[in-house]
PDB file of N, CA and C in Angstrom:
ATOM      1  N   MET A   1       0.748  76.818 -53.199  1.00  0.00           N
ATOM      2  CA  MET A   1       1.293  77.719 -54.244  1.00  0.00           C
ATOM      3  C   MET A   1       2.802  77.750 -54.129  1.00  0.00           C
ATOM      4  N   SER A   2       3.487  77.514 -55.242  1.00  0.00           N
ATOM      5  CA  SER A   2       4.977  77.452 -55.158  1.00  0.00           C
ATOM      6  C   SER A   2       5.555  78.824 -55.136  1.00  0.00           C
ATOM      7  N   TYR A   3       6.767  78.889 -54.765  1.00  0.00           N
ATOM      8  CA  TYR A   3       7.495  80.188 -54.723  1.00  0.00           C
ATOM      9  C   TYR A   3       7.544  80.900 -56.045  1.00  0.00           C
ATOM     10  N   ARG A   4       7.634  80.057 -57.125  1.00  0.00           N
ATOM     11  CA  ARG A   4       7.771  80.583 -58.445  1.00  0.00           C
ATOM     12  C   ARG A   4       6.403  81.270 -58.853  1.00  0.00           C
ATOM     13  N   ASP A   5       5.327  80.657 -58.491  1.00  0.00           N
ATOM     14  CA  ASP A   5       4.010  81.268 -58.801  1.00  0.00           C
ATOM     15  C   ASP A   5       3.870  82.545 -58.061  1.00  0.00           C
ATOM     16  N   PHE A   6       4.320  82.546 -56.764  1.00  0.00           N
ATOM     17  CA  PHE A   6       4.241  83.740 -55.945  1.00  0.00           C
ATOM     18  C   PHE A   6       5.047  84.898 -56.554  1.00  0.00           C
ATOM     19  N   LYS A   7       6.265  84.545 -57.021  1.00  0.00           N
ATOM     20  CA  LYS A   7       7.151  85.530 -57.654  1.00  0.00           C
ATOM     21  C   LYS A   7       6.516  86.129 -58.853  1.00  0.00           C
ATOM     22  N   SER A   8       5.966  85.295 -59.723  1.00  0.00           N
ATOM     23  CA  SER A   8       5.305  85.851 -60.966  1.00  0.00           C
ATOM     24  C   SER A   8       4.103  86.613 -60.671  1.00  0.00           C
ATOM     25  N   LEU A   9       3.404  86.284 -59.607  1.00  0.00           N
ATOM     26  CA  LEU A   9       2.239  87.049 -59.185  1.00  0.00           C
ATOM     27  C   LEU A   9       2.664  88.438 -58.755  1.00  0.00           C
ATOM     28  N   ASN A  10       3.727  88.508 -57.987  1.00  0.00           N
ATOM     29  CA  ASN A  10       4.239  89.783 -57.485  1.00  0.00           C
ATOM     30  C   ASN A  10       4.699  90.634 -58.673  1.00  0.00           C
ATOM     31  N   LEU A  11       5.269  89.977 -59.713  1.00  0.00           N
ATOM     32  CA  LEU A  11       5.711  90.696 -60.899  1.00  0.00           C
ATOM     33  C   LEU A  11       4.520  91.299 -61.635  1.00  0.00           C
ATOM     34  N   ALA A  12       3.458  90.544 -61.748  1.00  0.00           N
ATOM     35  CA  ALA A  12       2.272  90.960 -62.347  1.00  0.00           C
ATOM     36  C   ALA A  12       1.628  92.187 -61.646  1.00  0.00           C
ATOM     37  N   LEU A  13       1.628  92.042 -60.312  1.00  0.00           N
ATOM     38  CA  LEU A  13       1.138  93.175 -59.457  1.00  0.00           C
ATOM     39  C   LEU A  13       1.951  94.411 -59.630  1.00  0.00           C
ATOM     40  N   ALA A  14       3.255  94.242 -59.695  1.00  0.00           N
ATOM     41  CA  ALA A  14       4.158  95.389 -59.810  1.00  0.00           C
ATOM     42  C   ALA A  14       3.943  96.137 -61.145  1.00  0.00           C
ATOM     43  N   SER A  15       3.777  95.360 -62.234  1.00  0.00           N
ATOM     44  CA  SER A  15       3.603  96.005 -63.531  1.00  0.00           C
ATOM     45  C   SER A  15       2.198  96.614 -63.587  1.00  0.00           C
ATOM     46  N   PHE A  16       1.280  96.100 -62.858  1.00  0.00           N
ATOM     47  CA  PHE A  16      -0.073  96.650 -62.827  1.00  0.00           C
ATOM     48  C   PHE A  16      -0.080  97.976 -62.094  1.00  0.00           C
ATOM     49  N   LYS A  17       0.665  97.997 -60.985  1.00  0.00           N
ATOM     50  CA  LYS A  17       0.821  99.277 -60.249  1.00  0.00           C
ATOM     51  C   LYS A  17       1.521 100.327 -61.136  1.00  0.00           C
ATOM     52  N   LEU A  18       2.536  99.871 -61.881  1.00  0.00           N
ATOM     53  CA  LEU A  18       3.262 100.809 -62.715  1.00  0.00           C
ATOM     54  C   LEU A  18       2.318 101.412 -63.755  1.00  0.00           C
ATOM     55  N   THR A  19       1.401 100.555 -64.310  1.00  0.00           N
ATOM     56  CA  THR A  19       0.485 101.039 -65.324  1.00  0.00           C
ATOM     57  C   THR A  19      -0.484 102.032 -64.709  1.00  0.00           C
ATOM     58  N   LEU A  20      -0.893 101.813 -63.458  1.00  0.00           N
ATOM     59  CA  LEU A  20      -1.804 102.761 -62.742  1.00  0.00           C
ATOM     60  C   LEU A  20      -1.097 104.044 -62.570  1.00  0.00           C
ATOM     61  N   VAL A  21       0.179 104.017 -62.167  1.00  0.00           N
ATOM     62  CA  VAL A  21       0.902 105.302 -61.999  1.00  0.00           C
ATOM     63  C   VAL A  21       1.100 106.086 -63.241  1.00  0.00           C
ATOM     64  N   ASN A  22       1.364 105.326 -64.347  1.00  0.00           N
ATOM     65  CA  ASN A  22       1.562 105.981 -65.664  1.00  0.00           C
ATOM     66  C   ASN A  22       0.228 106.593 -66.094  1.00  0.00           C
ATOM     67  N   THR A  23      -0.838 105.946 -65.860  1.00  0.00           N
ATOM     68  CA  THR A  23      -2.200 106.460 -66.196  1.00  0.00           C
ATOM     69  C   THR A  23      -2.464 107.705 -65.394  1.00  0.00           C
ATOM     70  N   ALA A  24      -2.114 107.717 -64.118  1.00  0.00           N
ATOM     71  CA  ALA A  24      -2.341 108.868 -63.279  1.00  0.00           C
ATOM     72  C   ALA A  24      -1.465 110.056 -63.786  1.00  0.00           C
ATOM     73  N   ASN A  25      -0.209 109.718 -64.232  1.00  0.00           N
ATOM     74  CA  ASN A  25       0.629 110.742 -64.766  1.00  0.00           C
ATOM     75  C   ASN A  25       0.049 111.387 -66.066  1.00  0.00           C
ATOM     76  N   LEU A  26      -0.588 110.565 -66.851  1.00  0.00           N
ATOM     77  CA  LEU A  26      -1.256 111.006 -68.068  1.00  0.00           C
ATOM     78  C   LEU A  26      -2.339 111.984 -67.737  1.00  0.00           C
ATOM     79  N   PHE A  27      -3.137 111.685 -66.712  1.00  0.00           N
ATOM     80  CA  PHE A  27      -4.224 112.543 -66.235  1.00  0.00           C
ATOM     81  C   PHE A  27      -3.647 113.833 -65.677  1.00  0.00           C
ATOM     82  N   ALA A  28      -2.489 113.743 -65.048  1.00  0.00           N
ATOM     83  CA  ALA A  28      -1.866 114.951 -64.478  1.00  0.00           C
ATOM     84  C   ALA A  28      -1.484 115.911 -65.613  1.00  0.00           C
ATOM     85  N   ALA A  29      -1.151 115.348 -66.748  1.00  0.00           N
ATOM     86  CA  ALA A  29      -0.695 116.161 -67.888  1.00  0.00           C
ATOM     87  C   ALA A  29      -1.924 116.860 -68.541  1.00  0.00           C
ATOM     88  N   ILE A  30      -3.113 116.352 -68.257  1.00  0.00           N
ATOM     89  CA  ILE A  30      -4.337 116.973 -68.798  1.00  0.00           C
ATOM     90  C   ILE A  30      -4.730 118.101 -67.808  1.00  0.00           C
ATOM     91  N   PRO A  31      -5.021 119.338 -68.348  1.00  0.00           N
ATOM     92  CA  PRO A  31      -5.471 120.433 -67.476  1.00  0.00           C
ATOM     93  C   PRO A  31      -6.790 120.021 -66.861  1.00  0.00           C
ATOM     94  N   GLY A  32      -6.901 120.156 -65.538  1.00  0.00           N
ATOM     95  CA  GLY A  32      -8.148 119.860 -64.836  1.00  0.00           C
ATOM     96  C   GLY A  32      -8.097 118.411 -64.324  1.00  0.00           C
ATOM     97  N   GLY A  33      -7.124 117.639 -64.754  1.00  0.00           N
ATOM     98  CA  GLY A  33      -7.046 116.222 -64.270  1.00  0.00           C
ATOM     99  C   GLY A  33      -6.633 116.219 -62.823  1.00  0.00           C
ATOM    100  N   LYS A  34      -7.152 115.246 -62.046  1.00  0.00           N
ATOM    101  CA  LYS A  34      -6.838 115.221 -60.605  1.00  0.00           C
ATOM    102  C   LYS A  34      -6.269 113.851 -60.254  1.00  0.00           C
ATOM    103  N   PRO A  35      -4.993 113.595 -60.485  1.00  0.00           N
ATOM    104  CA  PRO A  35      -4.409 112.313 -60.218  1.00  0.00           C
ATOM    105  C   PRO A  35      -4.317 112.074 -58.720  1.00  0.00           C
ATOM    106  N   SER A  36      -4.273 113.134 -57.931  1.00  0.00           N
ATOM    107  CA  SER A  36      -4.139 112.975 -56.466  1.00  0.00           C
ATOM    108  C   SER A  36      -5.290 112.207 -55.899  1.00  0.00           C
ATOM    109  N   ASN A  37      -6.464 112.356 -56.533  1.00  0.00           N
ATOM    110  CA  ASN A  37      -7.641 111.584 -56.063  1.00  0.00           C
ATOM    111  C   ASN A  37      -7.446 110.095 -56.326  1.00  0.00           C
ATOM    112  N   LEU A  38      -6.785 109.731 -57.444  1.00  0.00           N
ATOM    113  CA  LEU A  38      -6.597 108.318 -57.781  1.00  0.00           C
ATOM    114  C   LEU A  38      -5.528 107.683 -56.842  1.00  0.00           C
ATOM    115  N   LEU A  39      -4.511 108.474 -56.472  1.00  0.00           N
ATOM    116  CA  LEU A  39      -3.434 107.916 -55.758  1.00  0.00           C
ATOM    117  C   LEU A  39      -3.680 107.901 -54.215  1.00  0.00           C
ATOM    118  N   SER A  40      -4.547 108.764 -53.764  1.00  0.00           N
ATOM    119  CA  SER A  40      -4.701 108.864 -52.290  1.00  0.00           C
ATOM    120  C   SER A  40      -5.541 107.663 -51.761  1.00  0.00           C
TER     121      SER A  40
END
């Protein structure tokens, strides 16, 4: 696997994590939502 492939894979992982965090924040905005369970 080349360094370029590795870099793009890291980028994909980073954006995926960002999406997860944003989703957790959405649940936090909902009364009764428990984002702490998702992040722990």
